[in-house]
Amino acid sequence: MSTGRTGPGPAHHDEDLVRRLIAGQFPHWAELEVTRFPSGGTVNAVYRLGGSLTVRLPLTRGGAEDVPLEREWLPRLAPRLPASVPEVLGAGEPAEGYPWPWSVYRWLPGENPREGALTAPGPLAEDLAAFVGAMRGLTLPGGPQAYRGGPVASLDAGTRAAIEALRGIPEEGVDCDAATAVWEEALRAPAWEGAPVWLHADLMPGNLLVRDGRLTSVIDFGCTGVGDPACDLFPAWNLLPAGAREVFREALGVDDASWIRGRGRALSQALISLPHHRRTNPAMARNARHVIRAVLTGA
């Protein structure tokens, strides 16, 4: 559900296009049924292919840049992580008027958790901490710089512009002065001085799959790379309630400075998302409102 990189687009797509792409490049799957899978994401269109496969088509040139990243790193990450991750089974190429590379993955069962409706928030917080901790502990050399993993100050202009945009949307009810204060605290927090760590860098609810309330899979590694570990603290505010938030923090042993940076990064993403998606993407707008409320009230 990454929103950080877009670009020219979106490319046209429908079920007929997917059928033609599959028939032309993977004829052994040509007889499988193709159905559009509803998703709140803004970077990829998702289609079911039969009962055990899924097709992801990047919607923008920026999203297409994530395709080779996943093809290279997912096979290396998968055996080292405590949750399932996507497995690339087919590397599709531009064809049939579709301009970018695309992929066929093994289907991962489960459902997206929803903020405010978790059945096992404490155990889920432990699962998420185990995943983030495993990512941080990776020693895979040559990891790309996660574009979200740089200094907090690199987000300053966009965050302040979003706050000013929300001042002009009073019906959203955002306390813009309080948001500015939290953001400025994040800017003042000491920077990460350790070695860059591996990050998923887009741990939104739409990129998590659960069964019986427990984490089973993490998807969409288009933002993965190395950087500030605070980037993977997002679930503390975009998903977990206050009590489970503390479980998550304690399990990871997060220091005060990283917690402040993580909170500021989560708030920044939500502030930028809300004006952009409030009329076009209900799921992302709802989660942005939740993050803003969680950060500013501690709820």
C-alpha atoms as a PDB file:
ATOM      1  CA  MET A   1       0.000   0.000   0.000  1.00  0.00           C
ATOM      2  CA  SER A   2       2.938   2.256  -0.520  1.00  0.00           C
ATOM      3  CA  THR A   3       2.154   5.869  -1.385  1.00  0.00           C
ATOM      4  CA  GLY A   4       5.616   7.381  -1.458  1.00  0.00           C
ATOM      5  CA  ARG A   5       6.492   6.890  -5.141  1.00  0.00           C
ATOM      6  CA  THR A   6       4.110   7.528  -7.954  1.00  0.00           C
ATOM      7  CA  GLY A   7       4.844   9.069 -11.329  1.00  0.00           C
ATOM      8  CA  PRO A   8       3.266   9.130 -14.765  1.00  0.00           C
ATOM      9  CA  GLY A   9       0.226   6.908 -14.998  1.00  0.00           C
ATOM     10  CA  PRO A  10      -1.878   5.132 -14.149  1.00  0.00           C
ATOM     11  CA  ALA A  11      -1.667   2.422 -16.772  1.00  0.00           C
ATOM     12  CA  HIS A  12      -4.899   0.937 -18.081  1.00  0.00           C
ATOM     13  CA  HIS A  13      -5.674  -2.544 -16.768  1.00  0.00           C
ATOM     14  CA  ASP A  14      -8.624  -4.925 -16.656  1.00  0.00           C
ATOM     15  CA  GLU A  15      -9.308  -8.649 -16.520  1.00  0.00           C
ATOM     16  CA  ASP A  16      -9.029  -9.016 -20.285  1.00  0.00           C
ATOM     17  CA  LEU A  17      -5.545  -7.463 -20.270  1.00  0.00           C
ATOM     18  CA  VAL A  18      -4.430  -9.879 -17.554  1.00  0.00           C
ATOM     19  CA  ARG A  19      -5.805 -12.837 -19.502  1.00  0.00           C
ATOM     20  CA  ARG A  20      -3.890 -11.749 -22.606  1.00  0.00           C
ATOM     21  CA  LEU A  21      -0.668 -11.178 -20.665  1.00  0.00           C
ATOM     22  CA  ILE A  22      -0.906 -14.583 -19.019  1.00  0.00           C
ATOM     23  CA  ALA A  23      -1.764 -16.351 -22.277  1.00  0.00           C
ATOM     24  CA  GLY A  24       1.141 -14.721 -24.070  1.00  0.00           C
ATOM     25  CA  GLN A  25       3.830 -15.226 -21.423  1.00  0.00           C
ATOM     26  CA  PHE A  26       2.641 -18.053 -19.168  1.00  0.00           C
ATOM     27  CA  PRO A  27       0.451 -20.260 -21.362  1.00  0.00           C
ATOM     28  CA  HIS A  28       0.447 -23.054 -18.763  1.00  0.00           C
ATOM     29  CA  TRP A  29      -1.743 -20.774 -16.629  1.00  0.00           C
ATOM     30  CA  ALA A  30      -3.928 -19.532 -19.480  1.00  0.00           C
ATOM     31  CA  GLU A  31      -6.964 -21.603 -18.500  1.00  0.00           C
ATOM     32  CA  LEU A  32      -7.087 -20.276 -14.947  1.00  0.00           C
ATOM     33  CA  GLU A  33      -9.854 -17.832 -14.014  1.00  0.00           C
ATOM     34  CA  VAL A  34      -8.879 -14.169 -13.664  1.00  0.00           C
ATOM     35  CA  THR A  35     -10.762 -11.946 -11.214  1.00  0.00           C
ATOM     36  CA  ARG A  36     -10.004  -8.453  -9.950  1.00  0.00           C
ATOM     37  CA  PHE A  37      -9.170  -8.408  -6.240  1.00  0.00           C
ATOM     38  CA  PRO A  38     -10.415  -5.310  -4.385  1.00  0.00           C
ATOM     39  CA  SER A  39      -7.548  -3.393  -2.820  1.00  0.00           C
ATOM     40  CA  GLY A  40      -7.105   0.009  -1.224  1.00  0.00           C
ATOM     41  CA  GLY A  41      -3.541   0.216  -2.495  1.00  0.00           C
ATOM     42  CA  THR A  42      -2.454   2.946  -4.876  1.00  0.00           C
ATOM     43  CA  VAL A  43       0.673   1.404  -6.426  1.00  0.00           C
ATOM     44  CA  ASN A  44      -0.479  -1.985  -7.749  1.00  0.00           C
ATOM     45  CA  ALA A  45      -3.621  -3.529  -9.201  1.00  0.00           C
ATOM     46  CA  VAL A  46      -4.179  -7.048  -7.884  1.00  0.00           C
ATOM     47  CA  TYR A  47      -5.875  -9.945  -9.667  1.00  0.00           C
ATOM     48  CA  ARG A  48      -6.545 -13.499  -8.527  1.00  0.00           C
ATOM     49  CA  LEU A  49      -5.340 -16.138 -10.963  1.00  0.00           C
ATOM     50  CA  GLY A  50      -7.085 -19.388 -10.199  1.00  0.00           C
ATOM     51  CA  GLY A  51      -7.131 -20.388  -6.544  1.00  0.00           C
ATOM     52  CA  SER A  52      -3.441 -20.282  -5.703  1.00  0.00           C
ATOM     53  CA  LEU A  53      -1.888 -17.408  -7.676  1.00  0.00           C
ATOM     54  CA  THR A  54      -2.085 -13.634  -7.807  1.00  0.00           C
ATOM     55  CA  VAL A  55      -1.031 -11.112 -10.440  1.00  0.00           C
ATOM     56  CA  ARG A  56       0.202  -7.646  -9.520  1.00  0.00           C
ATOM     57  CA  LEU A  57       0.355  -4.917 -12.143  1.00  0.00           C
ATOM     58  CA  PRO A  58       2.096  -1.660 -11.213  1.00  0.00           C
ATOM     59  CA  LEU A  59      -0.182   1.311 -11.732  1.00  0.00           C
ATOM     60  CA  THR A  60       2.587   3.888 -12.211  1.00  0.00           C
ATOM     61  CA  ARG A  61       6.163   4.091 -13.403  1.00  0.00           C
ATOM     62  CA  GLY A  62       7.278   4.570  -9.806  1.00  0.00           C
ATOM     63  CA  GLY A  63       5.518   1.369  -8.811  1.00  0.00           C
ATOM     64  CA  ALA A  64       7.154  -0.456 -11.704  1.00  0.00           C
ATOM     65  CA  GLU A  65      10.549   0.431 -10.230  1.00  0.00           C
ATOM     66  CA  ASP A  66       9.656  -1.761  -7.234  1.00  0.00           C
ATOM     67  CA  VAL A  67       9.247  -4.907  -9.364  1.00  0.00           C
ATOM     68  CA  PRO A  68      12.952  -5.739  -9.857  1.00  0.00           C
ATOM     69  CA  LEU A  69      13.595  -4.884  -6.195  1.00  0.00           C
ATOM     70  CA  GLU A  70      11.124  -7.538  -5.048  1.00  0.00           C
ATOM     71  CA  ARG A  71      12.372 -10.078  -7.575  1.00  0.00           C
ATOM     72  CA  GLU A  72      15.924  -9.672  -6.294  1.00  0.00           C
ATOM     73  CA  TRP A  73      15.366  -9.516  -2.550  1.00  0.00           C
ATOM     74  CA  LEU A  74      12.237 -11.513  -1.677  1.00  0.00           C
ATOM     75  CA  PRO A  75      13.921 -14.902  -2.242  1.00  0.00           C
ATOM     76  CA  ARG A  76      16.747 -13.830   0.078  1.00  0.00           C
ATOM     77  CA  LEU A  77      14.473 -12.411   2.760  1.00  0.00           C
ATOM     78  CA  ALA A  78      11.878 -15.194   2.849  1.00  0.00           C
ATOM     79  CA  PRO A  79      13.851 -17.915   4.688  1.00  0.00           C
ATOM     80  CA  ARG A  80      15.051 -15.444   7.298  1.00  0.00           C
ATOM     81  CA  LEU A  81      11.698 -14.017   8.417  1.00  0.00           C
ATOM     82  CA  PRO A  82       9.091 -15.363  10.877  1.00  0.00           C
ATOM     83  CA  ALA A  83       6.111 -14.518   8.636  1.00  0.00           C
ATOM     84  CA  SER A  84       5.417 -15.571   5.059  1.00  0.00           C
ATOM     85  CA  VAL A  85       6.308 -13.107   2.310  1.00  0.00           C
ATOM     86  CA  PRO A  86       5.344 -13.059  -1.382  1.00  0.00           C
ATOM     87  CA  GLU A  87       6.970 -15.642  -3.634  1.00  0.00           C
ATOM     88  CA  VAL A  88       7.537 -14.591  -7.237  1.00  0.00           C
ATOM     89  CA  LEU A  89       6.532 -17.449  -9.555  1.00  0.00           C
ATOM     90  CA  GLY A  90       6.441 -15.570 -12.843  1.00  0.00           C
ATOM     91  CA  ALA A  91       8.361 -12.511 -14.054  1.00  0.00           C
ATOM     92  CA  GLY A  92       6.120 -10.783 -16.567  1.00  0.00           C
ATOM     93  CA  GLU A  93       7.356  -8.279 -19.120  1.00  0.00           C
ATOM     94  CA  PRO A  94       5.692  -5.349 -20.949  1.00  0.00           C
ATOM     95  CA  ALA A  95       3.259  -6.520 -23.636  1.00  0.00           C
ATOM     96  CA  GLU A  96      -0.274  -6.057 -24.990  1.00  0.00           C
ATOM     97  CA  GLY A  97       0.030  -2.297 -24.584  1.00  0.00           C
ATOM     98  CA  TYR A  98       0.928  -2.601 -20.890  1.00  0.00           C
ATOM     99  CA  PRO A  99       4.195  -0.675 -20.437  1.00  0.00           C
ATOM    100  CA  TRP A 100       5.927  -2.121 -17.350  1.00  0.00           C
ATOM    101  CA  PRO A 101       7.214  -5.349 -15.809  1.00  0.00           C
ATOM    102  CA  TRP A 102       4.733  -7.232 -13.637  1.00  0.00           C
ATOM    103  CA  SER A 103       4.745 -10.399 -11.556  1.00  0.00           C
ATOM    104  CA  VAL A 104       2.813 -13.530 -10.696  1.00  0.00           C
ATOM    105  CA  TYR A 105       3.004 -14.541  -7.036  1.00  0.00           C
ATOM    106  CA  ARG A 106       1.827 -17.420  -4.941  1.00  0.00           C
ATOM    107  CA  TRP A 107      -1.451 -16.430  -3.235  1.00  0.00           C
ATOM    108  CA  LEU A 108      -1.083 -15.837   0.498  1.00  0.00           C
ATOM    109  CA  PRO A 109      -4.279 -16.480   2.482  1.00  0.00           C
ATOM    110  CA  GLY A 110      -5.462 -14.257   5.305  1.00  0.00           C
ATOM    111  CA  GLU A 111      -7.172 -10.950   5.824  1.00  0.00           C
ATOM    112  CA  ASN A 112      -5.984  -7.433   6.476  1.00  0.00           C
ATOM    113  CA  PRO A 113      -6.300  -6.369  10.113  1.00  0.00           C
ATOM    114  CA  ARG A 114      -8.311  -3.234  10.722  1.00  0.00           C
ATOM    115  CA  GLU A 115      -7.507  -0.556  13.221  1.00  0.00           C
ATOM    116  CA  GLY A 116      -9.982  -0.600  16.116  1.00  0.00           C
ATOM    117  CA  ALA A 117     -11.155  -4.136  15.333  1.00  0.00           C
ATOM    118  CA  LEU A 118      -8.312  -6.440  16.402  1.00  0.00           C
ATOM    119  CA  THR A 119      -9.229  -9.739  18.047  1.00  0.00           C
ATOM    120  CA  ALA A 120      -5.822 -10.333  19.686  1.00  0.00           C
ATOM    121  CA  PRO A 121      -3.957  -7.006  19.851  1.00  0.00           C
ATOM    122  CA  GLY A 122      -1.349  -8.082  22.399  1.00  0.00           C
ATOM    123  CA  PRO A 123      -0.266 -11.266  20.572  1.00  0.00           C
ATOM    124  CA  LEU A 124      -0.394  -9.407  17.250  1.00  0.00           C
ATOM    125  CA  ALA A 125       1.915  -6.745  18.714  1.00  0.00           C
ATOM    126  CA  GLU A 126       4.343  -9.513  19.672  1.00  0.00           C
ATOM    127  CA  ASP A 127       4.142 -10.995  16.166  1.00  0.00           C
ATOM    128  CA  LEU A 128       4.835  -7.615  14.585  1.00  0.00           C
ATOM    129  CA  ALA A 129       7.767  -7.010  16.917  1.00  0.00           C
ATOM    130  CA  ALA A 130       9.192 -10.411  15.996  1.00  0.00           C
ATOM    131  CA  PHE A 131       8.954  -9.554  12.303  1.00  0.00           C
ATOM    132  CA  VAL A 132      10.501  -6.096  12.708  1.00  0.00           C
ATOM    133  CA  GLY A 133      13.216  -7.523  14.934  1.00  0.00           C
ATOM    134  CA  ALA A 134      14.016 -10.200  12.362  1.00  0.00           C
ATOM    135  CA  MET A 135      14.291  -7.562   9.634  1.00  0.00           C
ATOM    136  CA  ARG A 136      16.609  -5.476  11.791  1.00  0.00           C
ATOM    137  CA  GLY A 137      18.768  -8.486  12.508  1.00  0.00           C
ATOM    138  CA  LEU A 138      19.422  -9.334   8.852  1.00  0.00           C
ATOM    139  CA  THR A 139      23.038  -9.264   7.735  1.00  0.00           C
ATOM    140  CA  LEU A 140      22.370  -9.408   3.997  1.00  0.00           C
ATOM    141  CA  PRO A 141      24.998  -7.196   2.343  1.00  0.00           C
ATOM    142  CA  GLY A 142      24.303  -4.803  -0.484  1.00  0.00           C
ATOM    143  CA  GLY A 143      20.836  -3.776   0.619  1.00  0.00           C
ATOM    144  CA  PRO A 144      19.401  -0.719  -1.151  1.00  0.00           C
ATOM    145  CA  GLN A 145      18.860   2.508   0.743  1.00  0.00           C
ATOM    146  CA  ALA A 146      15.203   2.618   1.716  1.00  0.00           C
ATOM    147  CA  TYR A 147      13.893   5.904   0.370  1.00  0.00           C
ATOM    148  CA  ARG A 148      11.897   6.355   3.585  1.00  0.00           C
ATOM    149  CA  GLY A 149      14.909   5.472   5.695  1.00  0.00           C
ATOM    150  CA  GLY A 150      16.796   8.744   5.554  1.00  0.00           C
ATOM    151  CA  PRO A 151      16.791  11.653   8.012  1.00  0.00           C
ATOM    152  CA  VAL A 152      13.485  12.808   9.474  1.00  0.00           C
ATOM    153  CA  ALA A 153      14.319  16.306   8.203  1.00  0.00           C
ATOM    154  CA  SER A 154      13.948  15.066   4.622  1.00  0.00           C
ATOM    155  CA  LEU A 155      10.186  14.866   5.296  1.00  0.00           C
ATOM    156  CA  ASP A 156       9.896  18.376   6.711  1.00  0.00           C
ATOM    157  CA  ALA A 157       8.708  20.329   3.674  1.00  0.00           C
ATOM    158  CA  GLY A 158       6.045  17.793   2.729  1.00  0.00           C
ATOM    159  CA  THR A 159       4.813  17.442   6.285  1.00  0.00           C
ATOM    160  CA  ARG A 160       4.467  21.180   6.845  1.00  0.00           C
ATOM    161  CA  ALA A 161       2.706  21.586   3.506  1.00  0.00           C
ATOM    162  CA  ALA A 162       0.237  18.869   4.519  1.00  0.00           C
ATOM    163  CA  ILE A 163      -0.429  20.562   7.857  1.00  0.00           C
ATOM    164  CA  GLU A 164      -1.202  23.810   6.074  1.00  0.00           C
ATOM    165  CA  ALA A 165      -3.468  21.967   3.636  1.00  0.00           C
ATOM    166  CA  LEU A 166      -5.387  20.484   6.568  1.00  0.00           C
ATOM    167  CA  ARG A 167      -5.806  23.931   8.126  1.00  0.00           C
ATOM    168  CA  GLY A 168      -7.886  24.671   5.058  1.00  0.00           C
ATOM    169  CA  ILE A 169     -10.078  21.579   5.633  1.00  0.00           C
ATOM    170  CA  PRO A 170     -11.664  22.345   9.022  1.00  0.00           C
ATOM    171  CA  GLU A 171     -14.198  19.534   8.638  1.00  0.00           C
ATOM    172  CA  GLU A 172     -11.383  17.030   9.191  1.00  0.00           C
ATOM    173  CA  GLY A 173     -10.938  18.390  12.706  1.00  0.00           C
ATOM    174  CA  VAL A 174      -7.150  18.037  12.801  1.00  0.00           C
ATOM    175  CA  ASP A 175      -5.464  20.022  15.574  1.00  0.00           C
ATOM    176  CA  CYS A 176      -2.784  21.434  13.299  1.00  0.00           C
ATOM    177  CA  ASP A 177      -0.926  23.211  16.097  1.00  0.00           C
ATOM    178  CA  ALA A 178      -0.650  19.967  18.066  1.00  0.00           C
ATOM    179  CA  ALA A 179       0.458  18.135  14.913  1.00  0.00           C
ATOM    180  CA  THR A 180       3.147  20.765  14.334  1.00  0.00           C
ATOM    181  CA  ALA A 181       4.385  20.375  17.909  1.00  0.00           C
ATOM    182  CA  VAL A 182       4.693  16.590  17.577  1.00  0.00           C
ATOM    183  CA  TRP A 183       6.437  16.965  14.245  1.00  0.00           C
ATOM    184  CA  GLU A 184       8.922  19.503  15.580  1.00  0.00           C
ATOM    185  CA  GLU A 185       9.698  17.185  18.493  1.00  0.00           C
ATOM    186  CA  ALA A 186      10.554  14.477  15.958  1.00  0.00           C
ATOM    187  CA  LEU A 187      12.857  16.903  14.139  1.00  0.00           C
ATOM    188  CA  ARG A 188      14.658  17.668  17.411  1.00  0.00           C
ATOM    189  CA  ALA A 189      15.092  14.011  18.380  1.00  0.00           C
ATOM    190  CA  PRO A 190      18.602  12.615  18.078  1.00  0.00           C
ATOM    191  CA  ALA A 191      19.199  10.931  14.733  1.00  0.00           C
ATOM    192  CA  TRP A 192      19.954   7.227  14.418  1.00  0.00           C
ATOM    193  CA  GLU A 193      23.713   6.860  14.800  1.00  0.00           C
ATOM    194  CA  GLY A 194      23.993   3.105  14.364  1.00  0.00           C
ATOM    195  CA  ALA A 195      24.496   1.193  11.149  1.00  0.00           C
ATOM    196  CA  PRO A 196      21.461   1.233   8.817  1.00  0.00           C
ATOM    197  CA  VAL A 197      19.169  -1.738   9.439  1.00  0.00           C
ATOM    198  CA  TRP A 198      16.907  -3.681   7.116  1.00  0.00           C
ATOM    199  CA  LEU A 199      13.372  -2.275   6.906  1.00  0.00           C
ATOM    200  CA  HIS A 200      10.105  -3.254   5.332  1.00  0.00           C
ATOM    201  CA  ALA A 201       9.337   0.496   5.456  1.00  0.00           C
ATOM    202  CA  ASP A 202       5.629   0.232   4.598  1.00  0.00           C
ATOM    203  CA  LEU A 203       4.016  -1.659   7.475  1.00  0.00           C
ATOM    204  CA  MET A 204       0.491  -0.462   6.814  1.00  0.00           C
ATOM    205  CA  PRO A 205      -2.516  -2.658   7.718  1.00  0.00           C
ATOM    206  CA  GLY A 206      -3.092  -3.322   4.025  1.00  0.00           C
ATOM    207  CA  ASN A 207       0.329  -4.949   3.828  1.00  0.00           C
ATOM    208  CA  LEU A 208      -0.308  -7.336   6.715  1.00  0.00           C
ATOM    209  CA  LEU A 209      -2.275 -10.592   6.656  1.00  0.00           C
ATOM    210  CA  VAL A 210      -3.689 -12.212   9.775  1.00  0.00           C
ATOM    211  CA  ARG A 211      -5.559 -15.373  10.706  1.00  0.00           C
ATOM    212  CA  ASP A 212      -7.374 -15.691  14.038  1.00  0.00           C
ATOM    213  CA  GLY A 213      -5.857 -12.337  14.931  1.00  0.00           C
ATOM    214  CA  ARG A 214      -2.225 -13.457  14.498  1.00  0.00           C
ATOM    215  CA  LEU A 215       0.217 -12.282  11.864  1.00  0.00           C
ATOM    216  CA  THR A 216       0.768 -14.830   9.090  1.00  0.00           C
ATOM    217  CA  SER A 217       2.198 -12.822   6.185  1.00  0.00           C
ATOM    218  CA  VAL A 218       3.694  -9.458   5.279  1.00  0.00           C
ATOM    219  CA  ILE A 219       3.358  -8.329   1.669  1.00  0.00           C
ATOM    220  CA  ASP A 220       4.427  -5.482  -0.647  1.00  0.00           C
ATOM    221  CA  PHE A 221       8.169  -5.115  -0.190  1.00  0.00           C
ATOM    222  CA  GLY A 222       8.469  -2.328  -2.760  1.00  0.00           C
ATOM    223  CA  CYS A 223       9.864   0.056  -0.150  1.00  0.00           C
ATOM    224  CA  THR A 224      12.301  -2.390   1.470  1.00  0.00           C
ATOM    225  CA  GLY A 225      15.915  -1.490   2.085  1.00  0.00           C
ATOM    226  CA  VAL A 226      18.159  -0.236   4.858  1.00  0.00           C
ATOM    227  CA  GLY A 227      17.861   2.883   6.982  1.00  0.00           C
ATOM    228  CA  ASP A 228      16.590   4.299  10.280  1.00  0.00           C
ATOM    229  CA  PRO A 229      14.882   1.538  12.340  1.00  0.00           C
ATOM    230  CA  ALA A 230      12.210   4.032  13.407  1.00  0.00           C
ATOM    231  CA  CYS A 231      10.655   3.585   9.951  1.00  0.00           C
ATOM    232  CA  ASP A 232       9.245   0.193  10.963  1.00  0.00           C
ATOM    233  CA  LEU A 233       7.475   1.450  14.093  1.00  0.00           C
ATOM    234  CA  PHE A 234       4.403   2.539  12.068  1.00  0.00           C
ATOM    235  CA  PRO A 235       2.096  -0.243  13.365  1.00  0.00           C
ATOM    236  CA  ALA A 236       2.312   1.244  16.854  1.00  0.00           C
ATOM    237  CA  TRP A 237       0.063   4.044  15.649  1.00  0.00           C
ATOM    238  CA  ASN A 238      -1.584   2.840  12.435  1.00  0.00           C
ATOM    239  CA  LEU A 239      -2.927  -0.385  13.928  1.00  0.00           C
ATOM    240  CA  LEU A 240      -2.273  -1.178  17.584  1.00  0.00           C
ATOM    241  CA  PRO A 241      -4.301   0.222  20.507  1.00  0.00           C
ATOM    242  CA  ALA A 242      -2.467   1.922  23.375  1.00  0.00           C
ATOM    243  CA  GLY A 243      -1.864  -1.175  25.501  1.00  0.00           C
ATOM    244  CA  ALA A 244      -0.595  -3.296  22.624  1.00  0.00           C
ATOM    245  CA  ARG A 245       1.504  -0.333  21.460  1.00  0.00           C
ATOM    246  CA  GLU A 246       3.514  -0.659  24.658  1.00  0.00           C
ATOM    247  CA  VAL A 247       3.828  -4.425  24.162  1.00  0.00           C
ATOM    248  CA  PHE A 248       5.280  -3.743  20.711  1.00  0.00           C
ATOM    249  CA  ARG A 249       7.716  -1.150  22.041  1.00  0.00           C
ATOM    250  CA  GLU A 250       8.893  -3.286  24.948  1.00  0.00           C
ATOM    251  CA  ALA A 251       9.381  -6.372  22.759  1.00  0.00           C
ATOM    252  CA  LEU A 252      11.621  -4.354  20.427  1.00  0.00           C
ATOM    253  CA  GLY A 253      13.392  -2.419  23.176  1.00  0.00           C
ATOM    254  CA  VAL A 254      12.812   0.916  21.440  1.00  0.00           C
ATOM    255  CA  ASP A 255      14.746   3.849  22.910  1.00  0.00           C
ATOM    256  CA  ASP A 256      13.070   7.221  23.472  1.00  0.00           C
ATOM    257  CA  ALA A 257      14.663   8.969  20.491  1.00  0.00           C
ATOM    258  CA  SER A 258      13.669   6.214  18.056  1.00  0.00           C
ATOM    259  CA  TRP A 259      10.131   6.178  19.455  1.00  0.00           C
ATOM    260  CA  ILE A 260       9.803   9.928  18.946  1.00  0.00           C
ATOM    261  CA  ARG A 261      11.161   9.678  15.397  1.00  0.00           C
ATOM    262  CA  GLY A 262       8.861   6.748  14.649  1.00  0.00           C
ATOM    263  CA  ARG A 263       5.831   8.613  15.947  1.00  0.00           C
ATOM    264  CA  GLY A 264       6.763  11.648  13.886  1.00  0.00           C
ATOM    265  CA  ARG A 265       7.276   9.565  10.746  1.00  0.00           C
ATOM    266  CA  ALA A 266       3.911   7.843  11.216  1.00  0.00           C
ATOM    267  CA  LEU A 267       2.216  11.200  11.738  1.00  0.00           C
ATOM    268  CA  SER A 268       3.945  12.700   8.695  1.00  0.00           C
ATOM    269  CA  GLN A 269       2.738   9.891   6.450  1.00  0.00           C
ATOM    270  CA  ALA A 270      -0.821  10.241   7.741  1.00  0.00           C
ATOM    271  CA  LEU A 271      -0.862  14.025   7.395  1.00  0.00           C
ATOM    272  CA  ILE A 272       0.333  13.782   3.798  1.00  0.00           C
ATOM    273  CA  SER A 273      -2.074  10.954   2.976  1.00  0.00           C
ATOM    274  CA  LEU A 274      -5.267  12.489   4.341  1.00  0.00           C
ATOM    275  CA  PRO A 275      -5.665  15.533   2.042  1.00  0.00           C
ATOM    276  CA  HIS A 276      -4.686  13.406  -0.946  1.00  0.00           C
ATOM    277  CA  HIS A 277      -6.973  10.420  -0.267  1.00  0.00           C
ATOM    278  CA  ARG A 278      -9.906  11.839   1.685  1.00  0.00           C
ATOM    279  CA  ARG A 279     -12.201  11.867  -1.363  1.00  0.00           C
ATOM    280  CA  THR A 280     -10.685   9.022  -3.382  1.00  0.00           C
ATOM    281  CA  ASN A 281      -9.502   6.203  -1.108  1.00  0.00           C
ATOM    282  CA  PRO A 282     -11.713   5.588   1.946  1.00  0.00           C
ATOM    283  CA  ALA A 283      -9.473   2.910   3.476  1.00  0.00           C
ATOM    284  CA  MET A 284      -6.326   5.013   3.380  1.00  0.00           C
ATOM    285  CA  ALA A 285      -8.138   8.148   4.546  1.00  0.00           C
ATOM    286  CA  ARG A 286      -9.702   6.222   7.451  1.00  0.00           C
ATOM    287  CA  ASN A 287      -6.335   4.912   8.543  1.00  0.00           C
ATOM    288  CA  ALA A 288      -4.736   8.350   8.232  1.00  0.00           C
ATOM    289  CA  ARG A 289      -7.404   9.778  10.546  1.00  0.00           C
ATOM    290  CA  HIS A 290      -6.770   6.925  12.965  1.00  0.00           C
ATOM    291  CA  VAL A 291      -3.017   7.620  13.016  1.00  0.00           C
ATOM    292  CA  ILE A 292      -3.502  11.329  13.583  1.00  0.00           C
ATOM    293  CA  ARG A 293      -5.898  10.647  16.455  1.00  0.00           C
ATOM    294  CA  ALA A 294      -3.629   7.984  17.993  1.00  0.00           C
ATOM    295  CA  VAL A 295      -0.549  10.218  17.844  1.00  0.00           C
ATOM    296  CA  LEU A 296      -2.203  13.402  19.081  1.00  0.00           C
ATOM    297  CA  THR A 297      -4.347  11.837  21.836  1.00  0.00           C
ATOM    298  CA  GLY A 298      -2.430   8.679  22.724  1.00  0.00           C
ATOM    299  CA  ALA A 299      -5.610   6.656  22.173  1.00  0.00           C
END
